[in-house]
Amino acid sequence: MINYYLPAALITAGIVTYFVSYAFLGLFFKVNPYRIPYRILRDVAMEDIEKIEVRVKRELNTRGKGVYPLDKEIDTVKHRFEKIELPIIIGRLKESPKKIITADLADLVHLMVSGASGWGKSVFLRSLINTTLISETDKKVYLIDAQGVEFYPYRKIRDVKVSTNEDEAMALLDEIIAIQKRRKQVFMAASANEFKEFNKNANAKEKIPRIVVIIDEYADYVEVDGFQKKVSTLARVCRKYGIHIVLTTQRPSAKLINEQIKAQFVNKIIFKASDGPNARVLGDMGALTIEKKGEAITWLNTKRRVVQTPLQKKFFSKKLMEKIDDQK
């Protein structure tokens, strides 16, 4: 005799499991499961997600008026992305809030992002990562995170490598340096002077991707033997090889931001500085007068502006979520 109750029981059990799982994620992780895909979330420590989400909520609550969510900003300027290889939404001009400033990291080459804790640096960095990843440009992204928290959820995304400790960070730098040296030989063999020239003349199989290296809290590595020298050398020699570095720090001391680093990182996004010496090292004392969360002084291609940066309150923007889903 066929047991008709068994299929019904299995279906009921499946439905119950789904909703219990949903409730579990919402209760214990304090995050909407649709905000971070579960296949990425499952490898992240619960307490780390809680810390990040609490900080993002605090950031949202303290910004007050003039909040510009990243997804809406992307929709507003998406037509520009067709002409930009590595797009960055910098923010809206303070004196003219209807005007959105965008930039191309491929043109900037390198970028420094600095600012005291809690003033918008990490939120802007997350925005930068999202717009970089959703671009159609062929690229590989290296995320170097000393604390092993900020970048961890990105590790499941295709063409992204994440380091979470000093040894992994040094290994990633060594890998990038090796790539730069190989590209130098390839360019010489092809009689190409720089990245765009090589890719323009290469066939589809020979074309090479741009590489974006993002180092979170550079100061955490200053005592790591050889790290600062490798970053400085790489920034100096990799300009024409399609390798770009985004360097962030809360503590831009004179020891950390030496003359070699200053010379390579002339393009800067400066959030609130913690004191006069830090603002002096950054070359803009106006960083002391910033009063609003997310507000920043930008020096891009020698031009100074004051902007309100976009708020990326989720790890993954809507556009990036769609791209992740397409990679299944």
C-alpha atoms as a PDB file:
ATOM      1  CA  MET A   1       0.000   0.000   0.000  1.00  0.00           C
ATOM      2  CA  ILE A   2       1.362   3.422  -0.994  1.00  0.00           C
ATOM      3  CA  ASN A   3       2.018   5.766   1.861  1.00  0.00           C
ATOM      4  CA  TYR A   4       0.553   9.061   0.672  1.00  0.00           C
ATOM      5  CA  TYR A   5       1.556  10.847   3.842  1.00  0.00           C
ATOM      6  CA  LEU A   6       5.331  10.548   3.229  1.00  0.00           C
ATOM      7  CA  PRO A   7       5.598  13.066   0.321  1.00  0.00           C
ATOM      8  CA  ALA A   8       3.425  15.554   2.187  1.00  0.00           C
ATOM      9  CA  ALA A   9       5.588  15.180   5.273  1.00  0.00           C
ATOM     10  CA  LEU A  10       8.763  15.765   3.271  1.00  0.00           C
ATOM     11  CA  ILE A  11       7.352  18.886   1.619  1.00  0.00           C
ATOM     12  CA  THR A  12       6.200  20.232   4.979  1.00  0.00           C
ATOM     13  CA  ALA A  13       9.623  19.567   6.494  1.00  0.00           C
ATOM     14  CA  GLY A  14      11.305  21.418   3.607  1.00  0.00           C
ATOM     15  CA  ILE A  15       9.090  24.473   4.022  1.00  0.00           C
ATOM     16  CA  VAL A  16       9.651  24.565   7.786  1.00  0.00           C
ATOM     17  CA  THR A  17      13.418  24.225   7.302  1.00  0.00           C
ATOM     18  CA  TYR A  18      13.448  27.150   4.843  1.00  0.00           C
ATOM     19  CA  PHE A  19      11.639  29.547   7.163  1.00  0.00           C
ATOM     20  CA  VAL A  20      13.568  28.440  10.239  1.00  0.00           C
ATOM     21  CA  SER A  21      16.831  29.032   8.330  1.00  0.00           C
ATOM     22  CA  TYR A  22      15.620  32.476   7.286  1.00  0.00           C
ATOM     23  CA  ALA A  23      14.694  33.347  10.863  1.00  0.00           C
ATOM     24  CA  PHE A  24      18.005  31.978  12.146  1.00  0.00           C
ATOM     25  CA  LEU A  25      19.978  34.201   9.766  1.00  0.00           C
ATOM     26  CA  GLY A  26      17.911  37.257  10.615  1.00  0.00           C
ATOM     27  CA  LEU A  27      18.096  36.686  14.363  1.00  0.00           C
ATOM     28  CA  PHE A  28      21.681  35.628  14.854  1.00  0.00           C
ATOM     29  CA  PHE A  29      23.467  37.365  12.003  1.00  0.00           C
ATOM     30  CA  LYS A  30      21.321  40.509  12.203  1.00  0.00           C
ATOM     31  CA  VAL A  31      21.432  40.741   8.438  1.00  0.00           C
ATOM     32  CA  ASN A  32      18.892  40.186   5.698  1.00  0.00           C
ATOM     33  CA  PRO A  33      19.877  36.949   3.886  1.00  0.00           C
ATOM     34  CA  TYR A  34      19.279  38.774   0.612  1.00  0.00           C
ATOM     35  CA  ARG A  35      21.830  41.391   1.635  1.00  0.00           C
ATOM     36  CA  ILE A  36      24.740  38.955   1.565  1.00  0.00           C
ATOM     37  CA  PRO A  37      24.394  35.708  -0.445  1.00  0.00           C
ATOM     38  CA  TYR A  38      24.387  32.717   1.894  1.00  0.00           C
ATOM     39  CA  ARG A  39      27.132  30.947  -0.043  1.00  0.00           C
ATOM     40  CA  ILE A  40      29.373  33.868   0.933  1.00  0.00           C
ATOM     41  CA  LEU A  41      27.924  34.466   4.384  1.00  0.00           C
ATOM     42  CA  ARG A  42      28.370  30.898   5.579  1.00  0.00           C
ATOM     43  CA  ASP A  43      32.173  31.226   5.732  1.00  0.00           C
ATOM     44  CA  VAL A  44      32.133  34.471   7.713  1.00  0.00           C
ATOM     45  CA  ALA A  45      32.306  34.419  11.505  1.00  0.00           C
ATOM     46  CA  MET A  46      29.018  35.514  13.050  1.00  0.00           C
ATOM     47  CA  GLU A  47      30.619  38.090  15.333  1.00  0.00           C
ATOM     48  CA  ASP A  48      32.494  39.668  12.413  1.00  0.00           C
ATOM     49  CA  ILE A  49      29.307  40.178  10.395  1.00  0.00           C
ATOM     50  CA  GLU A  50      27.615  41.651  13.477  1.00  0.00           C
ATOM     51  CA  LYS A  51      30.419  44.158  14.020  1.00  0.00           C
ATOM     52  CA  ILE A  52      30.364  45.302  10.402  1.00  0.00           C
ATOM     53  CA  GLU A  53      26.570  45.555  10.179  1.00  0.00           C
ATOM     54  CA  VAL A  54      26.345  47.495  13.447  1.00  0.00           C
ATOM     55  CA  ARG A  55      28.986  49.926  12.216  1.00  0.00           C
ATOM     56  CA  VAL A  56      27.185  50.426   8.899  1.00  0.00           C
ATOM     57  CA  LYS A  57      23.880  51.093  10.694  1.00  0.00           C
ATOM     58  CA  ARG A  58      25.617  53.620  12.916  1.00  0.00           C
ATOM     59  CA  GLU A  59      27.099  55.299   9.859  1.00  0.00           C
ATOM     60  CA  LEU A  60      23.657  55.554   8.236  1.00  0.00           C
ATOM     61  CA  ASN A  61      22.067  56.994  11.385  1.00  0.00           C
ATOM     62  CA  THR A  62      24.737  59.654  11.892  1.00  0.00           C
ATOM     63  CA  ARG A  63      24.865  61.031   8.351  1.00  0.00           C
ATOM     64  CA  GLY A  64      21.532  62.811   8.612  1.00  0.00           C
ATOM     65  CA  LYS A  65      20.408  64.756   5.535  1.00  0.00           C
ATOM     66  CA  GLY A  66      22.148  64.469   2.213  1.00  0.00           C
ATOM     67  CA  VAL A  67      22.548  60.682   2.129  1.00  0.00           C
ATOM     68  CA  TYR A  68      23.136  59.303  -1.376  1.00  0.00           C
ATOM     69  CA  PRO A  69      22.744  55.486  -1.576  1.00  0.00           C
ATOM     70  CA  LEU A  70      25.224  53.856  -3.944  1.00  0.00           C
ATOM     71  CA  ASP A  71      22.639  51.888  -5.946  1.00  0.00           C
ATOM     72  CA  LYS A  72      20.736  55.072  -6.814  1.00  0.00           C
ATOM     73  CA  GLU A  73      23.952  56.850  -7.745  1.00  0.00           C
ATOM     74  CA  ILE A  74      24.919  53.952 -10.030  1.00  0.00           C
ATOM     75  CA  ASP A  75      21.555  54.142 -11.777  1.00  0.00           C
ATOM     76  CA  THR A  76      22.002  57.895 -12.247  1.00  0.00           C
ATOM     77  CA  VAL A  77      25.446  57.697 -13.877  1.00  0.00           C
ATOM     78  CA  LYS A  78      25.378  54.207 -15.408  1.00  0.00           C
ATOM     79  CA  HIS A  79      25.653  55.709 -18.920  1.00  0.00           C
ATOM     80  CA  ARG A  80      29.131  56.956 -17.966  1.00  0.00           C
ATOM     81  CA  PHE A  81      30.288  53.446 -17.073  1.00  0.00           C
ATOM     82  CA  GLU A  82      30.319  52.515 -20.758  1.00  0.00           C
ATOM     83  CA  LYS A  83      33.262  54.884 -21.267  1.00  0.00           C
ATOM     84  CA  ILE A  84      35.065  54.132 -17.985  1.00  0.00           C
ATOM     85  CA  GLU A  85      37.245  51.060 -17.503  1.00  0.00           C
ATOM     86  CA  LEU A  86      37.454  51.046 -13.691  1.00  0.00           C
ATOM     87  CA  PRO A  87      34.637  53.343 -12.508  1.00  0.00           C
ATOM     88  CA  ILE A  88      34.564  55.088  -9.146  1.00  0.00           C
ATOM     89  CA  ILE A  89      31.638  57.180  -7.959  1.00  0.00           C
ATOM     90  CA  ILE A  90      33.452  59.870  -5.975  1.00  0.00           C
ATOM     91  CA  GLY A  91      30.380  61.726  -4.734  1.00  0.00           C
ATOM     92  CA  ARG A  92      28.247  64.828  -5.135  1.00  0.00           C
ATOM     93  CA  LEU A  93      29.811  68.287  -5.133  1.00  0.00           C
ATOM     94  CA  LYS A  94      29.187  70.075  -1.863  1.00  0.00           C
ATOM     95  CA  GLU A  95      28.468  73.397  -3.569  1.00  0.00           C
ATOM     96  CA  SER A  96      26.381  71.760  -6.311  1.00  0.00           C
ATOM     97  CA  PRO A  97      24.741  68.547  -4.945  1.00  0.00           C
ATOM     98  CA  LYS A  98      23.051  67.700  -8.248  1.00  0.00           C
ATOM     99  CA  LYS A  99      26.436  67.115  -9.870  1.00  0.00           C
ATOM    100  CA  ILE A 100      27.919  63.633  -9.395  1.00  0.00           C
ATOM    101  CA  ILE A 101      31.685  63.286  -9.770  1.00  0.00           C
ATOM    102  CA  THR A 102      33.004  60.031 -11.229  1.00  0.00           C
ATOM    103  CA  ALA A 103      36.552  58.931 -11.990  1.00  0.00           C
ATOM    104  CA  ASP A 104      38.379  56.146 -13.773  1.00  0.00           C
ATOM    105  CA  LEU A 105      41.013  54.341 -11.712  1.00  0.00           C
ATOM    106  CA  ALA A 106      42.644  53.331 -14.982  1.00  0.00           C
ATOM    107  CA  ASP A 107      43.404  57.028 -15.578  1.00  0.00           C
ATOM    108  CA  LEU A 108      44.221  57.882 -11.956  1.00  0.00           C
ATOM    109  CA  VAL A 109      46.583  54.874 -11.836  1.00  0.00           C
ATOM    110  CA  HIS A 110      46.851  54.889  -8.015  1.00  0.00           C
ATOM    111  CA  LEU A 111      44.650  56.320  -5.263  1.00  0.00           C
ATOM    112  CA  MET A 112      45.087  57.034  -1.556  1.00  0.00           C
ATOM    113  CA  VAL A 113      42.035  57.051   0.737  1.00  0.00           C
ATOM    114  CA  SER A 114      42.578  58.368   4.250  1.00  0.00           C
ATOM    115  CA  GLY A 115      40.557  59.497   7.238  1.00  0.00           C
ATOM    116  CA  ALA A 116      39.908  58.952  10.907  1.00  0.00           C
ATOM    117  CA  SER A 117      37.822  55.993  12.018  1.00  0.00           C
ATOM    118  CA  GLY A 118      34.069  56.434  11.707  1.00  0.00           C
ATOM    119  CA  TRP A 119      34.090  59.259   9.153  1.00  0.00           C
ATOM    120  CA  GLY A 120      33.291  57.280   5.993  1.00  0.00           C
ATOM    121  CA  LYS A 121      36.558  55.842   4.707  1.00  0.00           C
ATOM    122  CA  SER A 122      35.541  52.171   4.964  1.00  0.00           C
ATOM    123  CA  VAL A 123      32.093  52.848   3.529  1.00  0.00           C
ATOM    124  CA  PHE A 124      33.647  54.646   0.550  1.00  0.00           C
ATOM    125  CA  LEU A 125      36.110  51.801   0.072  1.00  0.00           C
ATOM    126  CA  ARG A 126      33.241  49.302  -0.068  1.00  0.00           C
ATOM    127  CA  SER A 127      31.572  51.541  -2.676  1.00  0.00           C
ATOM    128  CA  LEU A 128      34.785  51.610  -4.717  1.00  0.00           C
ATOM    129  CA  ILE A 129      35.088  47.814  -4.602  1.00  0.00           C
ATOM    130  CA  ASN A 130      31.478  47.411  -5.751  1.00  0.00           C
ATOM    131  CA  THR A 131      31.782  49.738  -8.752  1.00  0.00           C
ATOM    132  CA  THR A 132      35.085  48.131  -9.715  1.00  0.00           C
ATOM    133  CA  LEU A 133      33.596  44.652  -9.632  1.00  0.00           C
ATOM    134  CA  ILE A 134      30.461  45.500 -11.619  1.00  0.00           C
ATOM    135  CA  SER A 135      32.431  47.093 -14.461  1.00  0.00           C
ATOM    136  CA  GLU A 136      32.613  45.125 -17.695  1.00  0.00           C
ATOM    137  CA  THR A 137      36.386  45.582 -17.906  1.00  0.00           C
ATOM    138  CA  ASP A 138      38.427  42.394 -17.717  1.00  0.00           C
ATOM    139  CA  LYS A 139      40.192  42.666 -14.369  1.00  0.00           C
ATOM    140  CA  LYS A 140      41.512  40.840 -11.340  1.00  0.00           C
ATOM    141  CA  VAL A 141      41.135  42.311  -7.864  1.00  0.00           C
ATOM    142  CA  TYR A 142      43.498  41.707  -4.940  1.00  0.00           C
ATOM    143  CA  LEU A 143      42.196  42.724  -1.500  1.00  0.00           C
ATOM    144  CA  ILE A 144      44.744  42.969   1.310  1.00  0.00           C
ATOM    145  CA  ASP A 145      43.111  43.150   4.733  1.00  0.00           C
ATOM    146  CA  ALA A 146      45.283  43.099   7.849  1.00  0.00           C
ATOM    147  CA  GLN A 147      42.401  42.411  10.218  1.00  0.00           C
ATOM    148  CA  GLY A 148      40.824  39.712   8.065  1.00  0.00           C
ATOM    149  CA  VAL A 149      37.302  41.179   8.382  1.00  0.00           C
ATOM    150  CA  GLU A 150      36.560  44.017   5.952  1.00  0.00           C
ATOM    151  CA  PHE A 151      37.164  42.078   2.737  1.00  0.00           C
ATOM    152  CA  TYR A 152      36.341  38.515   3.768  1.00  0.00           C
ATOM    153  CA  PRO A 153      32.847  38.362   2.199  1.00  0.00           C
ATOM    154  CA  TYR A 154      34.309  39.173  -1.241  1.00  0.00           C
ATOM    155  CA  ARG A 155      36.488  36.064  -1.324  1.00  0.00           C
ATOM    156  CA  LYS A 156      33.845  33.950  -3.079  1.00  0.00           C
ATOM    157  CA  ILE A 157      33.566  36.295  -6.041  1.00  0.00           C
ATOM    158  CA  ARG A 158      35.265  35.260  -9.253  1.00  0.00           C
ATOM    159  CA  ASP A 159      38.597  36.960 -10.036  1.00  0.00           C
ATOM    160  CA  VAL A 160      38.976  38.264  -6.473  1.00  0.00           C
ATOM    161  CA  LYS A 161      41.796  37.220  -4.142  1.00  0.00           C
ATOM    162  CA  VAL A 162      41.705  38.152  -0.454  1.00  0.00           C
ATOM    163  CA  SER A 163      44.516  38.058   2.091  1.00  0.00           C
ATOM    164  CA  THR A 164      43.590  37.967   5.768  1.00  0.00           C
ATOM    165  CA  ASN A 165      46.995  37.926   7.474  1.00  0.00           C
ATOM    166  CA  GLU A 166      50.548  39.189   7.016  1.00  0.00           C
ATOM    167  CA  ASP A 167      51.881  36.048   5.323  1.00  0.00           C
ATOM    168  CA  GLU A 168      49.064  36.004   2.770  1.00  0.00           C
ATOM    169  CA  ALA A 169      49.530  39.729   2.148  1.00  0.00           C
ATOM    170  CA  MET A 170      53.227  39.290   1.378  1.00  0.00           C
ATOM    171  CA  ALA A 171      52.414  36.323  -0.867  1.00  0.00           C
ATOM    172  CA  LEU A 172      49.883  38.392  -2.833  1.00  0.00           C
ATOM    173  CA  LEU A 173      52.391  41.237  -3.248  1.00  0.00           C
ATOM    174  CA  ASP A 174      55.007  38.767  -4.481  1.00  0.00           C
ATOM    175  CA  GLU A 175      52.469  37.373  -6.962  1.00  0.00           C
ATOM    176  CA  ILE A 176      51.671  40.849  -8.293  1.00  0.00           C
ATOM    177  CA  ILE A 177      55.370  41.718  -8.601  1.00  0.00           C
ATOM    178  CA  ALA A 178      55.907  38.493 -10.570  1.00  0.00           C
ATOM    179  CA  ILE A 179      52.993  39.436 -12.861  1.00  0.00           C
ATOM    180  CA  GLN A 180      54.537  42.879 -13.432  1.00  0.00           C
ATOM    181  CA  LYS A 181      57.877  41.333 -14.371  1.00  0.00           C
ATOM    182  CA  ARG A 182      56.228  38.895 -16.805  1.00  0.00           C
ATOM    183  CA  ARG A 183      54.281  41.708 -18.410  1.00  0.00           C
ATOM    184  CA  LYS A 184      57.475  43.690 -18.839  1.00  0.00           C
ATOM    185  CA  GLN A 185      58.991  40.844 -20.844  1.00  0.00           C
ATOM    186  CA  VAL A 186      55.818  40.341 -22.885  1.00  0.00           C
ATOM    187  CA  PHE A 187      55.574  44.057 -23.693  1.00  0.00           C
ATOM    188  CA  MET A 188      59.203  44.156 -24.794  1.00  0.00           C
ATOM    189  CA  ALA A 189      58.667  41.164 -27.075  1.00  0.00           C
ATOM    190  CA  ALA A 190      55.601  42.841 -28.590  1.00  0.00           C
ATOM    191  CA  SER A 191      57.334  46.236 -28.888  1.00  0.00           C
ATOM    192  CA  ALA A 192      54.560  47.753 -26.770  1.00  0.00           C
ATOM    193  CA  ASN A 193      55.271  50.665 -24.447  1.00  0.00           C
ATOM    194  CA  GLU A 194      52.258  50.372 -22.182  1.00  0.00           C
ATOM    195  CA  PHE A 195      49.091  48.437 -21.297  1.00  0.00           C
ATOM    196  CA  LYS A 196      46.617  50.005 -23.725  1.00  0.00           C
ATOM    197  CA  GLU A 197      49.001  49.729 -26.640  1.00  0.00           C
ATOM    198  CA  PHE A 198      49.641  46.052 -25.929  1.00  0.00           C
ATOM    199  CA  ASN A 199      45.953  45.116 -25.621  1.00  0.00           C
ATOM    200  CA  LYS A 200      45.034  47.145 -28.712  1.00  0.00           C
ATOM    201  CA  ASN A 201      47.397  45.100 -30.867  1.00  0.00           C
ATOM    202  CA  ALA A 202      46.893  41.729 -29.136  1.00  0.00           C
ATOM    203  CA  ASN A 203      44.403  39.104 -30.262  1.00  0.00           C
ATOM    204  CA  ALA A 204      41.580  38.023 -27.973  1.00  0.00           C
ATOM    205  CA  LYS A 205      43.594  35.223 -26.329  1.00  0.00           C
ATOM    206  CA  GLU A 206      46.633  37.426 -25.732  1.00  0.00           C
ATOM    207  CA  LYS A 207      44.823  40.335 -24.069  1.00  0.00           C
ATOM    208  CA  ILE A 208      45.616  40.783 -20.389  1.00  0.00           C
ATOM    209  CA  PRO A 209      43.360  42.027 -17.559  1.00  0.00           C
ATOM    210  CA  ARG A 210      43.824  45.103 -15.463  1.00  0.00           C
ATOM    211  CA  ILE A 211      44.841  44.413 -11.885  1.00  0.00           C
ATOM    212  CA  VAL A 212      43.471  46.384  -8.920  1.00  0.00           C
ATOM    213  CA  VAL A 213      45.253  46.035  -5.577  1.00  0.00           C
ATOM    214  CA  ILE A 214      43.389  47.430  -2.559  1.00  0.00           C
ATOM    215  CA  ILE A 215      45.297  47.633   0.722  1.00  0.00           C
ATOM    216  CA  ASP A 216      43.145  48.361   3.767  1.00  0.00           C
ATOM    217  CA  GLU A 217      44.880  50.141   6.644  1.00  0.00           C
ATOM    218  CA  TYR A 218      48.387  50.417   5.297  1.00  0.00           C
ATOM    219  CA  ALA A 219      49.698  51.384   8.765  1.00  0.00           C
ATOM    220  CA  ASP A 220      49.058  47.856  10.038  1.00  0.00           C
ATOM    221  CA  TYR A 221      51.832  46.619   7.750  1.00  0.00           C
ATOM    222  CA  VAL A 222      54.456  49.265   8.409  1.00  0.00           C
ATOM    223  CA  GLU A 223      56.344  46.967  10.786  1.00  0.00           C
ATOM    224  CA  VAL A 224      56.168  43.978   8.438  1.00  0.00           C
ATOM    225  CA  ASP A 225      59.637  43.525   7.027  1.00  0.00           C
ATOM    226  CA  GLY A 226      59.790  44.455   3.352  1.00  0.00           C
ATOM    227  CA  PHE A 227      56.089  45.290   2.906  1.00  0.00           C
ATOM    228  CA  GLN A 228      56.406  49.061   2.604  1.00  0.00           C
ATOM    229  CA  LYS A 229      59.341  48.772   0.204  1.00  0.00           C
ATOM    230  CA  LYS A 230      57.445  46.336  -2.027  1.00  0.00           C
ATOM    231  CA  VAL A 231      54.379  48.592  -2.180  1.00  0.00           C
ATOM    232  CA  SER A 232      56.522  51.643  -2.958  1.00  0.00           C
ATOM    233  CA  THR A 233      58.474  49.829  -5.666  1.00  0.00           C
ATOM    234  CA  LEU A 234      55.365  48.280  -7.192  1.00  0.00           C
ATOM    235  CA  ALA A 235      53.574  51.646  -7.297  1.00  0.00           C
ATOM    236  CA  ARG A 236      56.549  53.192  -9.075  1.00  0.00           C
ATOM    237  CA  VAL A 237      57.117  50.559 -11.757  1.00  0.00           C
ATOM    238  CA  CYS A 238      53.628  49.202 -12.501  1.00  0.00           C
ATOM    239  CA  ARG A 239      52.045  52.321 -13.994  1.00  0.00           C
ATOM    240  CA  LYS A 240      52.350  51.185 -17.600  1.00  0.00           C
ATOM    241  CA  TYR A 241      51.494  47.548 -16.952  1.00  0.00           C
ATOM    242  CA  GLY A 242      47.806  47.949 -16.064  1.00  0.00           C
ATOM    243  CA  ILE A 243      48.340  47.489 -12.317  1.00  0.00           C
ATOM    244  CA  HIS A 244      46.637  49.937  -9.960  1.00  0.00           C
ATOM    245  CA  ILE A 245      46.919  50.362  -6.181  1.00  0.00           C
ATOM    246  CA  VAL A 246      44.342  51.810  -3.796  1.00  0.00           C
ATOM    247  CA  LEU A 247      45.966  52.445  -0.431  1.00  0.00           C
ATOM    248  CA  THR A 248      43.954  53.365   2.668  1.00  0.00           C
ATOM    249  CA  THR A 249      44.981  54.493   6.117  1.00  0.00           C
ATOM    250  CA  GLN A 250      43.573  56.071   9.271  1.00  0.00           C
ATOM    251  CA  ARG A 251      46.997  57.241  10.435  1.00  0.00           C
ATOM    252  CA  PRO A 252      48.896  58.985   7.622  1.00  0.00           C
ATOM    253  CA  SER A 253      52.069  59.731   9.586  1.00  0.00           C
ATOM    254  CA  ALA A 254      55.241  61.084   7.983  1.00  0.00           C
ATOM    255  CA  LYS A 255      56.924  57.725   8.592  1.00  0.00           C
ATOM    256  CA  LEU A 256      54.126  55.872   6.833  1.00  0.00           C
ATOM    257  CA  ILE A 257      53.522  58.252   3.938  1.00  0.00           C
ATOM    258  CA  ASN A 258      57.126  58.883   2.958  1.00  0.00           C
ATOM    259  CA  GLU A 259      58.298  60.876  -0.040  1.00  0.00           C
ATOM    260  CA  GLN A 260      58.262  57.835  -2.355  1.00  0.00           C
ATOM    261  CA  ILE A 261      54.636  57.058  -1.467  1.00  0.00           C
ATOM    262  CA  LYS A 262      53.623  60.721  -1.817  1.00  0.00           C
ATOM    263  CA  ALA A 263      55.168  60.871  -5.274  1.00  0.00           C
ATOM    264  CA  GLN A 264      53.125  57.899  -6.515  1.00  0.00           C
ATOM    265  CA  PHE A 265      49.840  58.607  -4.719  1.00  0.00           C
ATOM    266  CA  VAL A 266      49.100  62.161  -5.810  1.00  0.00           C
ATOM    267  CA  ASN A 267      45.387  61.370  -6.264  1.00  0.00           C
ATOM    268  CA  LYS A 268      43.691  61.360  -2.859  1.00  0.00           C
ATOM    269  CA  ILE A 269      40.309  61.073  -1.160  1.00  0.00           C
ATOM    270  CA  ILE A 270      40.642  62.694   2.278  1.00  0.00           C
ATOM    271  CA  PHE A 271      38.034  62.249   4.988  1.00  0.00           C
ATOM    272  CA  LYS A 272      38.186  63.872   8.428  1.00  0.00           C
ATOM    273  CA  ALA A 273      41.763  63.950   9.765  1.00  0.00           C
ATOM    274  CA  SER A 274      42.317  63.074  13.408  1.00  0.00           C
ATOM    275  CA  ASP A 275      44.899  65.808  14.053  1.00  0.00           C
ATOM    276  CA  GLY A 276      47.053  68.518  12.520  1.00  0.00           C
ATOM    277  CA  PRO A 277      50.145  66.402  11.773  1.00  0.00           C
ATOM    278  CA  ASN A 278      48.056  63.861   9.830  1.00  0.00           C
ATOM    279  CA  ALA A 279      46.346  66.618   7.829  1.00  0.00           C
ATOM    280  CA  ARG A 280      49.751  68.181   7.128  1.00  0.00           C
ATOM    281  CA  VAL A 281      51.132  64.906   5.781  1.00  0.00           C
ATOM    282  CA  LEU A 282      48.124  64.666   3.459  1.00  0.00           C
ATOM    283  CA  GLY A 283      48.798  68.193   2.238  1.00  0.00           C
ATOM    284  CA  ASP A 284      45.377  69.631   3.088  1.00  0.00           C
ATOM    285  CA  MET A 285      44.645  71.237   6.463  1.00  0.00           C
ATOM    286  CA  GLY A 286      41.018  71.483   5.401  1.00  0.00           C
ATOM    287  CA  ALA A 287      40.688  67.851   6.503  1.00  0.00           C
ATOM    288  CA  LEU A 288      40.498  69.163  10.089  1.00  0.00           C
ATOM    289  CA  THR A 289      37.409  71.256   9.353  1.00  0.00           C
ATOM    290  CA  ILE A 290      35.224  68.452   7.944  1.00  0.00           C
ATOM    291  CA  GLU A 291      32.131  68.162  10.121  1.00  0.00           C
ATOM    292  CA  LYS A 292      29.878  65.717   8.279  1.00  0.00           C
ATOM    293  CA  LYS A 293      30.180  61.949   7.990  1.00  0.00           C
ATOM    294  CA  GLY A 294      30.963  60.877   4.449  1.00  0.00           C
ATOM    295  CA  GLU A 295      32.211  64.300   3.407  1.00  0.00           C
ATOM    296  CA  ALA A 296      35.636  64.273   1.800  1.00  0.00           C
ATOM    297  CA  ILE A 297      38.192  66.484   0.123  1.00  0.00           C
ATOM    298  CA  THR A 298      39.332  65.072  -3.197  1.00  0.00           C
ATOM    299  CA  TRP A 299      42.551  65.749  -5.057  1.00  0.00           C
ATOM    300  CA  LEU A 300      42.150  64.135  -8.465  1.00  0.00           C
ATOM    301  CA  ASN A 301      44.382  65.125 -11.368  1.00  0.00           C
ATOM    302  CA  THR A 302      45.558  68.146  -9.317  1.00  0.00           C
ATOM    303  CA  LYS A 303      41.995  69.469  -8.908  1.00  0.00           C
ATOM    304  CA  ARG A 304      40.570  70.010  -5.408  1.00  0.00           C
ATOM    305  CA  ARG A 305      36.899  69.420  -4.676  1.00  0.00           C
ATOM    306  CA  VAL A 306      34.733  68.825  -1.615  1.00  0.00           C
ATOM    307  CA  VAL A 307      32.153  66.055  -2.058  1.00  0.00           C
ATOM    308  CA  GLN A 308      29.599  64.009  -0.172  1.00  0.00           C
ATOM    309  CA  THR A 309      30.531  60.405  -0.925  1.00  0.00           C
ATOM    310  CA  PRO A 310      27.888  57.736  -1.641  1.00  0.00           C
ATOM    311  CA  LEU A 311      26.644  55.521   1.174  1.00  0.00           C
ATOM    312  CA  GLN A 312      27.115  51.817   0.490  1.00  0.00           C
ATOM    313  CA  LYS A 313      25.213  50.382   3.472  1.00  0.00           C
ATOM    314  CA  LYS A 314      25.351  46.796   2.199  1.00  0.00           C
ATOM    315  CA  PHE A 315      28.367  44.685   1.384  1.00  0.00           C
ATOM    316  CA  PHE A 316      27.015  44.096  -2.099  1.00  0.00           C
ATOM    317  CA  SER A 317      25.171  46.614  -4.235  1.00  0.00           C
ATOM    318  CA  LYS A 318      22.134  45.460  -6.211  1.00  0.00           C
ATOM    319  CA  LYS A 319      24.173  45.485  -9.429  1.00  0.00           C
ATOM    320  CA  LEU A 320      26.942  43.385  -7.886  1.00  0.00           C
ATOM    321  CA  MET A 321      24.405  40.903  -6.491  1.00  0.00           C
ATOM    322  CA  GLU A 322      23.068  40.440 -10.017  1.00  0.00           C
ATOM    323  CA  LYS A 323      26.572  39.860 -11.309  1.00  0.00           C
ATOM    324  CA  ILE A 324      27.313  37.317  -8.572  1.00  0.00           C
ATOM    325  CA  ASP A 325      24.117  35.468  -9.471  1.00  0.00           C
ATOM    326  CA  ASP A 326      25.192  35.412 -13.132  1.00  0.00           C
ATOM    327  CA  GLN A 327      28.422  33.674 -12.091  1.00  0.00           C
ATOM    328  CA  LYS A 328      26.657  30.682 -10.528  1.00  0.00           C
END
